[in-house]
Amino acid sequence: MAEAYVIATELDRYGGDYHAAFAAYEKKLKPATLNKQRDAVWISRFLVPSKHSFTRLRRLIERLFFSDLLIRYGFKFFGVKSVLTGYR
């Protein structure tokens, strides 16, 4: 939803100049998108099995990761902050 709002706002701001609107859209959202992608790669190391992973340890980490306590903490730490903060 945030992305749709930003692109609609930028298209309106630049009066249909698609090149300028998409450049402004990318400038606003690219840092947040790159951070989310880095976080996803980091988290995947704990959830995706590899030949070096220990199955029982990985399952324990998965249970802890999806526990109520850590889910609440995770939402505060990973991505609940709006990318639209300060956007006009």
C-alpha atoms as a PDB file:
ATOM      1  CA  MET A   1       0.000   0.000   0.000  1.00  0.00           C
ATOM      2  CA  ALA A   2       2.790   2.420   0.835  1.00  0.00           C
ATOM      3  CA  GLU A   3       4.417   1.851  -2.544  1.00  0.00           C
ATOM      4  CA  ALA A   4       1.158   2.515  -4.399  1.00  0.00           C
ATOM      5  CA  TYR A   5       0.614   5.695  -2.407  1.00  0.00           C
ATOM      6  CA  VAL A   6       4.131   6.950  -3.124  1.00  0.00           C
ATOM      7  CA  ILE A   7       3.970   6.298  -6.870  1.00  0.00           C
ATOM      8  CA  ALA A   8       0.508   7.899  -7.145  1.00  0.00           C
ATOM      9  CA  THR A   9       1.713  10.941  -5.199  1.00  0.00           C
ATOM     10  CA  GLU A  10       4.854  11.277  -7.310  1.00  0.00           C
ATOM     11  CA  LEU A  11       2.936  10.934 -10.590  1.00  0.00           C
ATOM     12  CA  ASP A  12       0.572  13.670  -9.415  1.00  0.00           C
ATOM     13  CA  ARG A  13       3.464  15.849  -8.188  1.00  0.00           C
ATOM     14  CA  TYR A  14       5.337  15.594 -11.491  1.00  0.00           C
ATOM     15  CA  GLY A  15       2.217  16.043 -13.632  1.00  0.00           C
ATOM     16  CA  GLY A  16       2.540  12.741 -15.471  1.00  0.00           C
ATOM     17  CA  ASP A  17       6.299  12.995 -16.105  1.00  0.00           C
ATOM     18  CA  TYR A  18       6.912   9.274 -15.623  1.00  0.00           C
ATOM     19  CA  HIS A  19      10.695   9.480 -15.649  1.00  0.00           C
ATOM     20  CA  ALA A  20      10.833  12.063 -12.866  1.00  0.00           C
ATOM     21  CA  ALA A  21       8.052  10.361 -10.876  1.00  0.00           C
ATOM     22  CA  PHE A  22       9.717   6.932 -10.984  1.00  0.00           C
ATOM     23  CA  ALA A  23      13.103   8.441 -10.081  1.00  0.00           C
ATOM     24  CA  ALA A  24      11.554  10.128  -7.013  1.00  0.00           C
ATOM     25  CA  TYR A  25       9.684   6.911  -6.138  1.00  0.00           C
ATOM     26  CA  GLU A  26      12.900   4.898  -6.265  1.00  0.00           C
ATOM     27  CA  LYS A  27      14.823   7.489  -4.259  1.00  0.00           C
ATOM     28  CA  LYS A  28      12.207   7.332  -1.491  1.00  0.00           C
ATOM     29  CA  LEU A  29      11.694   3.560  -1.291  1.00  0.00           C
ATOM     30  CA  LYS A  30      14.981   1.974  -2.374  1.00  0.00           C
ATOM     31  CA  PRO A  31      16.762   2.247   1.023  1.00  0.00           C
ATOM     32  CA  ALA A  32      13.832   0.618   2.856  1.00  0.00           C
ATOM     33  CA  THR A  33      13.572  -2.114   0.222  1.00  0.00           C
ATOM     34  CA  LEU A  34      17.288  -2.900   0.411  1.00  0.00           C
ATOM     35  CA  ASN A  35      17.101  -3.120   4.218  1.00  0.00           C
ATOM     36  CA  LYS A  36      14.170  -5.548   4.028  1.00  0.00           C
ATOM     37  CA  GLN A  37      16.037  -7.688   1.497  1.00  0.00           C
ATOM     38  CA  ARG A  38      19.150  -7.790   3.709  1.00  0.00           C
ATOM     39  CA  ASP A  39      17.026  -8.750   6.715  1.00  0.00           C
ATOM     40  CA  ALA A  40      15.352 -11.534   4.733  1.00  0.00           C
ATOM     41  CA  VAL A  41      18.721 -12.998   3.695  1.00  0.00           C
ATOM     42  CA  TRP A  42      19.951 -12.865   7.286  1.00  0.00           C
ATOM     43  CA  ILE A  43      16.805 -14.552   8.674  1.00  0.00           C
ATOM     44  CA  SER A  44      16.838 -17.230   5.974  1.00  0.00           C
ATOM     45  CA  ARG A  45      20.154 -18.529   7.319  1.00  0.00           C
ATOM     46  CA  PHE A  46      18.281 -19.718  10.406  1.00  0.00           C
ATOM     47  CA  LEU A  47      15.226 -21.139   8.647  1.00  0.00           C
ATOM     48  CA  VAL A  48      16.545 -22.778   5.464  1.00  0.00           C
ATOM     49  CA  PRO A  49      18.393 -26.052   6.010  1.00  0.00           C
ATOM     50  CA  SER A  50      21.879 -26.546   4.640  1.00  0.00           C
ATOM     51  CA  LYS A  51      24.358 -29.391   4.653  1.00  0.00           C
ATOM     52  CA  HIS A  52      26.056 -27.751   7.651  1.00  0.00           C
ATOM     53  CA  SER A  53      22.919 -27.180   9.735  1.00  0.00           C
ATOM     54  CA  PHE A  54      21.971 -29.200  12.742  1.00  0.00           C
ATOM     55  CA  THR A  55      18.364 -30.296  12.352  1.00  0.00           C
ATOM     56  CA  ARG A  56      17.468 -30.321  16.049  1.00  0.00           C
ATOM     57  CA  LEU A  57      19.131 -26.974  16.688  1.00  0.00           C
ATOM     58  CA  ARG A  58      17.394 -25.432  13.672  1.00  0.00           C
ATOM     59  CA  ARG A  59      14.009 -26.699  14.882  1.00  0.00           C
ATOM     60  CA  LEU A  60      14.661 -25.230  18.332  1.00  0.00           C
ATOM     61  CA  ILE A  61      15.551 -21.884  16.775  1.00  0.00           C
ATOM     62  CA  GLU A  62      12.390 -22.006  14.649  1.00  0.00           C
ATOM     63  CA  ARG A  63      10.241 -22.653  17.730  1.00  0.00           C
ATOM     64  CA  LEU A  64      11.889 -19.789  19.595  1.00  0.00           C
ATOM     65  CA  PHE A  65      11.688 -17.501  16.576  1.00  0.00           C
ATOM     66  CA  PHE A  66       7.941 -18.060  16.236  1.00  0.00           C
ATOM     67  CA  SER A  67       7.155 -17.860  19.970  1.00  0.00           C
ATOM     68  CA  ASP A  68       4.770 -15.128  21.126  1.00  0.00           C
ATOM     69  CA  LEU A  69       7.511 -13.210  22.918  1.00  0.00           C
ATOM     70  CA  LEU A  70       9.902 -13.106  19.973  1.00  0.00           C
ATOM     71  CA  ILE A  71       7.178 -12.381  17.447  1.00  0.00           C
ATOM     72  CA  ARG A  72       6.231  -9.252  19.400  1.00  0.00           C
ATOM     73  CA  TYR A  73       9.884  -8.222  19.579  1.00  0.00           C
ATOM     74  CA  GLY A  74      10.412  -9.070  15.896  1.00  0.00           C
ATOM     75  CA  PHE A  75       7.570  -6.802  14.787  1.00  0.00           C
ATOM     76  CA  LYS A  76       9.160  -3.932  16.692  1.00  0.00           C
ATOM     77  CA  PHE A  77      12.605  -4.666  15.264  1.00  0.00           C
ATOM     78  CA  PHE A  78      11.871  -5.752  11.663  1.00  0.00           C
ATOM     79  CA  GLY A  79       9.834  -3.520   9.439  1.00  0.00           C
ATOM     80  CA  VAL A  80       6.853  -2.302  11.402  1.00  0.00           C
ATOM     81  CA  LYS A  81       8.127   1.249  11.022  1.00  0.00           C
ATOM     82  CA  SER A  82       6.378   2.917   8.108  1.00  0.00           C
ATOM     83  CA  VAL A  83       8.387   3.978   5.084  1.00  0.00           C
ATOM     84  CA  LEU A  84       6.022   6.934   4.829  1.00  0.00           C
ATOM     85  CA  THR A  85       7.256   8.621   8.011  1.00  0.00           C
ATOM     86  CA  GLY A  86       7.996  12.217   7.043  1.00  0.00           C
ATOM     87  CA  TYR A  87       6.815  11.725   3.440  1.00  0.00           C
ATOM     88  CA  ARG A  88       4.851  14.519   1.804  1.00  0.00           C
END
